[in-house]
Amino acid sequence: MRVYYSDIFKEHQVASGHPESPRRLDYALDGVLQGGITPTRPNMREDVLDVLERVHERSYINYIKDLCNVGALTELDGDTWVSPKTCDAAILAVAAMLDAIDSGEHAYILARPPGHHAGKAGRALTAPTQGFCIFNTAASGAIYAEGVAVVDIDVHHGNGTQEILYDRDILYVSTHQDPLTLYPGTGFPDEVGRGRGEGYNVNVPMPPGLGDDGFKKILDEVVVPILRQYGPRRIIVSLGWDAHRDDPLADMGLTLAGYEYALRALASLNVPLVVLLEGGYNYDVIKRGSKMVVELLTGQDAKAPEESSESDHYAWGKLNKTLEDIRRIHSKFWAL
């Protein structure tokens, strides 16, 4: 297993008090070290910009570069900031992704800024902002290599990843809090892809307060069965720790036991997992979760340091209705 980290990722600056703080990486790194792994520093690659131009419009890439060259912290939108080192950090994150894919090993990428809300030209679909994101690292990896699936378990829908992959036959599966209750307001079950990509976009919105029992049901009845039928050679996991019940920016009820179950379920497919840090804003959860990722993917006796949570009656009923809708919509494409 490889863990990718560079101090450059901390040099992407945001406004004072912003939740997507460089300190997040201190806690992730601490957890990785406790798990017994010394991180690898990613190197820049000549092919990174070529890959980025397959993901984002060239005008958007140039716009971000111009903002990096301003020489001062600049507000891109109400959520998202660009600083002089933002381009270095965001481009190096993509380089780490490409290297992780080429390695053929499990990997955990401790990078920032995050990426899954960044669409072809920045703001994606109907979202009012880019949600802290600059370049879409997960979509870059999916487009770079054949046979990749992207599984997004951040609490926010990866609207940027969906937009970029929507007309491609690349599987994108997202579990996220109900878009009627949380940014970015996209990610409904009937968003299934377009053209060649029809059927390859799978959204599973989760009601606020859903516990680990409901998350496991989603994995067992939708996520893993579709992945088995797709047959990926690699899985990119857009991992946000913000579906945890202690995260300050969302309303889900998961614990680290739910995340452990998800990672074990994905690892059971016996292909390399490239786990990419996206969101998550409770420092202790980031640290304990990162330790768990390393222990699990290196074959140690990983055990989530929390008991599983249970859904309340309302969340369970809402989930079952959602799963009925997903089976009805996606039975055209997958055996569910």
Protein backbone atom coordinates (compact mmCIF):
# COMPACT_ATOMS: atom_id res chain seq x y z
CA MET A 1 0.00 0.00 0.00
CA ARG A 2 1.10 3.57 -0.71
CA VAL A 3 0.16 6.78 1.07
CA TYR A 4 0.78 10.02 -0.81
CA TYR A 5 1.42 13.26 1.03
CA SER A 6 3.34 16.50 0.48
CA ASP A 7 3.62 19.68 2.54
CA ILE A 8 2.66 21.49 -0.67
CA PHE A 9 -0.92 20.36 -0.04
CA LYS A 10 -0.96 22.47 3.12
CA GLU A 11 0.18 25.55 1.20
CA HIS A 12 -3.23 25.91 -0.45
CA GLN A 13 -4.64 28.63 1.80
CA VAL A 14 -8.23 29.52 2.64
CA ALA A 15 -9.86 32.31 4.63
CA SER A 16 -9.47 32.34 8.41
CA GLY A 17 -12.01 30.06 10.09
CA HIS A 18 -12.74 28.14 6.88
CA PRO A 19 -13.61 24.47 7.58
CA GLU A 20 -11.35 23.17 4.79
CA SER A 21 -8.25 24.05 6.77
CA PRO A 22 -4.67 22.85 6.16
CA ARG A 23 -4.83 21.42 9.69
CA ARG A 24 -7.02 18.60 8.35
CA LEU A 25 -3.92 17.05 6.84
CA ASP A 26 -2.03 17.15 10.15
CA TYR A 27 -4.63 14.86 11.66
CA ALA A 28 -4.86 12.60 8.61
CA LEU A 29 -1.08 12.28 8.57
CA ASP A 30 -1.00 11.50 12.29
CA GLY A 31 -3.50 8.68 11.74
CA VAL A 32 -1.49 7.25 8.85
CA LEU A 33 1.70 7.25 10.91
CA GLN A 34 -0.11 5.54 13.77
CA GLY A 35 -1.14 2.90 11.25
CA GLY A 36 2.52 2.20 10.51
CA ILE A 37 2.93 3.76 7.05
CA THR A 38 5.49 6.40 6.06
CA PRO A 39 3.99 8.51 3.26
CA THR A 40 5.49 8.87 -0.21
CA ARG A 41 5.94 12.35 -1.61
CA PRO A 42 4.32 12.50 -5.06
CA ASN A 43 6.36 13.85 -7.97
CA MET A 44 5.13 16.12 -10.70
CA ARG A 45 4.47 14.40 -14.03
CA GLU A 46 4.67 15.69 -17.59
CA ASP A 47 1.27 14.22 -18.49
CA VAL A 48 -0.74 15.96 -15.74
CA LEU A 49 -1.78 18.99 -17.77
CA ASP A 50 -2.77 16.78 -20.71
CA VAL A 51 -5.06 14.81 -18.40
CA LEU A 52 -6.49 17.99 -16.85
CA GLU A 53 -7.39 19.29 -20.30
CA ARG A 54 -9.44 16.12 -20.87
CA VAL A 55 -11.33 16.87 -17.66
CA HIS A 56 -11.68 20.67 -17.53
CA GLU A 57 -12.07 23.35 -20.16
CA ARG A 58 -8.73 24.95 -21.00
CA SER A 59 -10.18 28.40 -20.29
CA TYR A 60 -11.03 27.31 -16.73
CA ILE A 61 -7.55 25.88 -16.13
CA ASN A 62 -6.00 29.14 -17.37
CA TYR A 63 -8.38 31.16 -15.19
CA ILE A 64 -7.27 29.29 -12.07
CA LYS A 65 -3.62 29.72 -13.04
CA ASP A 66 -4.18 33.47 -13.43
CA LEU A 67 -5.71 33.61 -9.95
CA CYS A 68 -2.73 31.73 -8.53
CA ASN A 69 -0.45 34.33 -10.11
CA VAL A 70 -2.26 37.23 -8.40
CA GLY A 71 0.06 36.70 -5.46
CA ALA A 72 -2.59 37.01 -2.76
CA LEU A 73 -5.48 35.07 -1.28
CA THR A 74 -8.41 35.49 -3.68
CA GLU A 75 -12.06 34.56 -3.23
CA LEU A 76 -13.24 32.45 -6.16
CA ASP A 77 -16.77 32.21 -4.75
CA GLY A 78 -18.45 32.24 -1.36
CA ASP A 79 -16.96 28.84 -0.43
CA THR A 80 -13.79 28.54 -2.48
CA TRP A 81 -10.46 30.32 -2.29
CA VAL A 82 -7.33 30.48 -4.43
CA SER A 83 -3.88 31.33 -3.05
CA PRO A 84 -0.43 31.58 -4.70
CA LYS A 85 0.29 27.86 -4.03
CA THR A 86 -3.18 26.54 -4.88
CA CYS A 87 -2.21 25.52 -8.43
CA ASP A 88 0.88 23.68 -7.21
CA ALA A 89 -1.21 21.76 -4.67
CA ALA A 90 -4.15 20.96 -6.95
CA ILE A 91 -1.96 19.83 -9.85
CA LEU A 92 0.26 17.72 -7.58
CA ALA A 93 -2.88 16.01 -6.23
CA VAL A 94 -3.70 14.89 -9.78
CA ALA A 95 -0.10 13.71 -10.24
CA ALA A 96 -0.47 11.61 -7.08
CA MET A 97 -3.68 10.11 -8.46
CA LEU A 98 -2.05 9.14 -11.75
CA ASP A 99 0.93 7.61 -9.96
CA ALA A 100 -1.34 5.68 -7.59
CA ILE A 101 -3.25 4.22 -10.54
CA ASP A 102 -0.04 3.27 -12.33
CA SER A 103 1.32 1.57 -9.19
CA GLY A 104 -1.39 -1.10 -9.19
CA GLU A 105 -1.42 -1.03 -5.38
CA HIS A 106 -3.92 0.15 -2.80
CA ALA A 107 -3.32 3.82 -2.07
CA TYR A 108 -4.52 6.62 0.19
CA ILE A 109 -3.99 10.16 -1.12
CA LEU A 110 -3.82 12.86 1.56
CA ALA A 111 -4.26 15.89 -0.68
CA ARG A 112 -6.07 19.18 -0.73
CA PRO A 113 -7.82 21.15 -2.13
CA PRO A 114 -10.56 18.56 -2.60
CA GLY A 115 -12.01 18.07 -6.06
CA HIS A 116 -15.34 16.33 -6.53
CA HIS A 117 -17.44 19.51 -6.80
CA ALA A 118 -15.27 20.96 -9.60
CA GLY A 119 -16.91 20.49 -12.99
CA LYS A 120 -15.73 21.08 -16.52
CA ALA A 121 -15.66 24.87 -16.10
CA GLY A 122 -15.69 25.20 -12.34
CA ARG A 123 -19.16 25.31 -10.81
CA ALA A 124 -21.04 22.18 -11.86
CA LEU A 125 -24.69 21.61 -12.65
CA THR A 126 -26.89 23.90 -10.50
CA ALA A 127 -24.49 24.35 -7.57
CA PRO A 128 -24.04 27.95 -6.38
CA THR A 129 -20.33 27.46 -5.60
CA GLN A 130 -17.44 25.05 -6.20
CA GLY A 131 -17.64 23.78 -2.63
CA PHE A 132 -13.93 24.24 -1.73
CA CYS A 133 -12.79 22.40 -4.91
CA ILE A 134 -10.38 23.44 -7.71
CA PHE A 135 -9.46 20.52 -10.03
CA ASN A 136 -11.33 17.21 -10.05
CA THR A 137 -8.75 14.65 -8.98
CA ALA A 138 -11.09 11.64 -9.00
CA ALA A 139 -12.44 12.36 -12.49
CA SER A 140 -8.86 12.85 -13.72
CA GLY A 141 -7.98 9.35 -12.57
CA ALA A 142 -11.13 7.87 -14.09
CA ILE A 143 -10.43 9.40 -17.48
CA TYR A 144 -6.70 8.60 -17.35
CA ALA A 145 -7.03 4.81 -17.13
CA GLU A 146 -9.42 2.26 -18.60
CA GLY A 147 -11.61 0.08 -16.42
CA VAL A 148 -11.92 2.51 -13.52
CA ALA A 149 -15.00 2.95 -11.33
CA VAL A 150 -15.49 5.90 -9.00
CA VAL A 151 -17.32 5.37 -5.71
CA ASP A 152 -18.06 8.63 -3.88
CA ILE A 153 -18.87 8.29 -0.18
CA ASP A 154 -18.53 11.93 0.74
CA VAL A 155 -21.71 13.26 2.39
CA HIS A 156 -22.10 15.81 -0.42
CA HIS A 157 -22.97 14.70 -3.93
CA GLY A 158 -19.98 14.85 -6.28
CA ASN A 159 -21.71 17.06 -8.80
CA GLY A 160 -18.47 17.89 -10.58
CA THR A 161 -17.52 14.25 -11.04
CA GLN A 162 -21.02 13.48 -12.27
CA GLU A 163 -20.93 16.31 -14.79
CA ILE A 164 -17.55 15.28 -16.18
CA LEU A 165 -18.37 11.57 -16.48
CA TYR A 166 -22.06 11.86 -17.34
CA ASP A 167 -21.77 10.98 -21.02
CA ARG A 168 -18.98 8.42 -20.60
CA ASP A 169 -19.29 4.68 -19.96
CA ILE A 170 -17.35 5.05 -16.71
CA LEU A 171 -19.22 3.90 -13.61
CA TYR A 172 -19.83 6.62 -11.04
CA VAL A 173 -21.68 5.67 -7.84
CA SER A 174 -22.41 8.28 -5.19
CA THR A 175 -23.91 7.86 -1.73
CA HIS A 176 -24.74 11.24 -0.19
CA GLN A 177 -27.17 13.08 2.03
CA ASP A 178 -30.54 13.82 0.42
CA PRO A 179 -29.91 16.73 -2.00
CA LEU A 180 -33.13 18.39 -0.84
CA THR A 181 -31.41 18.91 2.52
CA LEU A 182 -27.77 19.67 1.66
CA TYR A 183 -25.41 21.33 -0.82
CA PRO A 184 -25.05 21.00 -3.80
CA GLY A 185 -28.71 20.07 -4.37
CA THR A 186 -27.99 17.47 -7.05
CA GLY A 187 -27.69 13.70 -7.10
CA PHE A 188 -31.20 12.28 -7.49
CA PRO A 189 -31.77 8.65 -8.55
CA ASP A 190 -33.16 9.60 -11.96
CA GLU A 191 -29.84 11.22 -12.95
CA VAL A 192 -28.58 8.11 -14.75
CA GLY A 193 -26.18 9.42 -17.39
CA ARG A 194 -26.58 10.43 -21.01
CA GLY A 195 -25.75 8.84 -24.36
CA ARG A 196 -22.91 6.38 -23.99
CA GLY A 197 -22.99 7.06 -20.25
CA GLU A 198 -26.63 6.11 -19.72
CA GLY A 199 -26.89 3.77 -16.77
CA TYR A 200 -23.36 4.42 -15.56
CA ASN A 201 -24.34 7.23 -13.16
CA VAL A 202 -25.84 5.84 -9.95
CA ASN A 203 -26.99 8.17 -7.16
CA VAL A 204 -28.13 6.92 -3.77
CA PRO A 205 -29.41 9.84 -1.67
CA MET A 206 -29.56 9.09 2.05
CA PRO A 207 -32.03 10.62 4.51
CA PRO A 208 -30.53 12.72 7.32
CA GLY A 209 -29.88 10.65 10.39
CA LEU A 210 -29.37 7.37 8.54
CA GLY A 211 -27.18 5.01 10.57
CA ASP A 212 -24.63 2.37 9.71
CA ASP A 213 -27.36 -0.25 9.27
CA GLY A 214 -28.86 1.73 6.39
CA PHE A 215 -25.47 2.43 4.84
CA LYS A 216 -24.67 -1.28 4.88
CA LYS A 217 -27.98 -2.01 3.16
CA ILE A 218 -27.07 0.46 0.40
CA LEU A 219 -23.69 -1.17 -0.08
CA ASP A 220 -25.10 -4.72 -0.09
CA GLU A 221 -28.11 -4.07 -2.34
CA VAL A 222 -26.88 -1.41 -4.77
CA VAL A 223 -23.21 -0.42 -4.68
CA VAL A 224 -21.43 -3.78 -4.56
CA PRO A 225 -23.83 -5.63 -6.94
CA ILE A 226 -23.41 -2.94 -9.59
CA LEU A 227 -19.65 -2.89 -9.16
CA ARG A 228 -19.50 -6.68 -9.56
CA GLN A 229 -21.43 -6.43 -12.81
CA TYR A 230 -19.28 -3.56 -14.08
CA GLY A 231 -16.07 -5.43 -13.30
CA PRO A 232 -13.62 -2.57 -12.63
CA ARG A 233 -9.88 -3.02 -12.76
CA ARG A 234 -9.44 -0.25 -10.18
CA ILE A 235 -11.76 1.67 -7.88
CA ILE A 236 -11.24 5.32 -6.99
CA VAL A 237 -12.91 6.09 -3.67
CA SER A 238 -13.78 9.75 -3.14
CA LEU A 239 -13.71 9.51 0.63
CA GLY A 240 -15.29 12.21 2.73
CA TRP A 241 -15.38 11.67 6.48
CA ASP A 242 -18.29 14.13 6.66
CA ALA A 243 -21.05 11.49 6.67
CA HIS A 244 -19.91 10.74 10.23
CA ARG A 245 -22.41 11.71 12.92
CA ASP A 246 -19.87 14.05 14.56
CA ASP A 247 -19.15 16.11 11.43
CA PRO A 248 -20.21 19.76 11.80
CA LEU A 249 -21.32 20.35 8.19
CA ALA A 250 -23.89 17.59 7.63
CA ASP A 251 -26.64 15.58 9.32
CA MET A 252 -25.85 11.91 8.81
CA GLY A 253 -25.59 9.24 11.49
CA LEU A 254 -22.68 7.07 10.34
CA THR A 255 -19.79 5.97 12.54
CA LEU A 256 -16.37 4.66 11.62
CA ALA A 257 -17.91 1.20 11.74
CA GLY A 258 -19.97 2.12 8.69
CA TYR A 259 -16.89 3.38 6.89
CA GLU A 260 -15.02 0.21 7.81
CA TYR A 261 -17.83 -1.88 6.33
CA ALA A 262 -17.75 0.18 3.12
CA LEU A 263 -14.00 -0.15 2.65
CA ARG A 264 -14.09 -3.89 3.37
CA ALA A 265 -16.93 -4.32 0.89
CA LEU A 266 -14.99 -2.49 -1.82
CA ALA A 267 -11.76 -4.34 -1.01
CA SER A 268 -13.65 -7.65 -1.37
CA LEU A 269 -13.78 -6.99 -5.13
CA ASN A 270 -10.05 -7.75 -5.22
CA VAL A 271 -8.93 -4.77 -7.27
CA PRO A 272 -6.70 -1.87 -6.16
CA LEU A 273 -8.48 0.87 -4.23
CA VAL A 274 -7.23 4.44 -4.67
CA VAL A 275 -8.72 6.23 -1.68
CA LEU A 276 -8.77 10.00 -2.10
CA LEU A 277 -9.40 12.38 0.78
CA GLU A 278 -12.27 14.72 -0.08
CA GLY A 279 -14.33 16.24 2.77
CA GLY A 280 -14.56 15.68 6.50
CA TYR A 281 -14.18 18.42 9.10
CA ASN A 282 -14.00 16.72 12.47
CA TYR A 283 -10.29 16.39 13.15
CA ASP A 284 -10.55 13.40 15.48
CA VAL A 285 -12.67 11.47 12.97
CA ILE A 286 -10.13 12.23 10.22
CA LYS A 287 -7.27 10.94 12.37
CA ARG A 288 -8.97 7.77 13.59
CA GLY A 289 -10.44 7.09 10.17
CA SER A 290 -7.10 7.50 8.40
CA LYS A 291 -5.48 5.05 10.79
CA MET A 292 -8.27 2.60 10.06
CA VAL A 293 -7.83 2.97 6.27
CA VAL A 294 -4.14 2.11 6.52
CA GLU A 295 -4.69 -0.83 8.84
CA LEU A 296 -7.45 -2.24 6.68
CA LEU A 297 -5.63 -1.90 3.35
CA THR A 298 -2.36 -3.31 4.73
CA GLY A 299 -4.08 -6.40 6.12
CA GLN A 300 -3.72 -5.48 9.77
CA ASP A 301 -6.38 -6.38 12.31
CA ALA A 302 -8.37 -3.22 11.59
CA LYS A 303 -11.37 -2.64 13.80
CA ALA A 304 -13.45 0.50 13.84
CA PRO A 305 -13.10 2.22 17.24
CA GLU A 306 -16.87 2.74 17.48
CA GLU A 307 -20.03 0.67 17.75
CA SER A 308 -22.36 0.65 14.74
CA SER A 309 -25.23 3.12 14.73
CA GLU A 310 -28.86 2.40 13.93
CA SER A 311 -31.30 4.43 11.83
CA ASP A 312 -34.44 5.89 13.29
CA HIS A 313 -37.84 4.73 12.02
CA TYR A 314 -38.29 7.70 9.67
CA ALA A 315 -34.83 7.41 8.06
CA TRP A 316 -35.24 3.64 7.58
CA GLY A 317 -38.60 4.05 5.89
CA LYS A 318 -37.30 6.84 3.67
CA LEU A 319 -34.30 4.73 2.67
CA ASN A 320 -36.47 1.77 1.68
CA LYS A 321 -38.56 4.03 -0.55
CA THR A 322 -35.39 5.39 -2.16
CA LEU A 323 -34.05 1.89 -2.79
CA GLU A 324 -37.33 0.94 -4.45
CA ASP A 325 -36.94 3.93 -6.77
CA ILE A 326 -33.34 3.00 -7.57
CA ARG A 327 -34.27 -0.59 -8.39
CA ARG A 328 -37.10 0.62 -10.63
CA ILE A 329 -34.88 3.14 -12.45
CA HIS A 330 -31.70 1.08 -12.75
CA SER A 331 -33.17 -2.36 -13.40
CA LYS A 332 -32.98 -1.34 -17.06
CA PHE A 333 -29.18 -1.31 -16.76
CA TRP A 334 -28.24 -3.63 -13.85
CA ALA A 335 -29.57 -6.74 -12.12
CA LEU A 336 -30.63 -5.49 -8.71
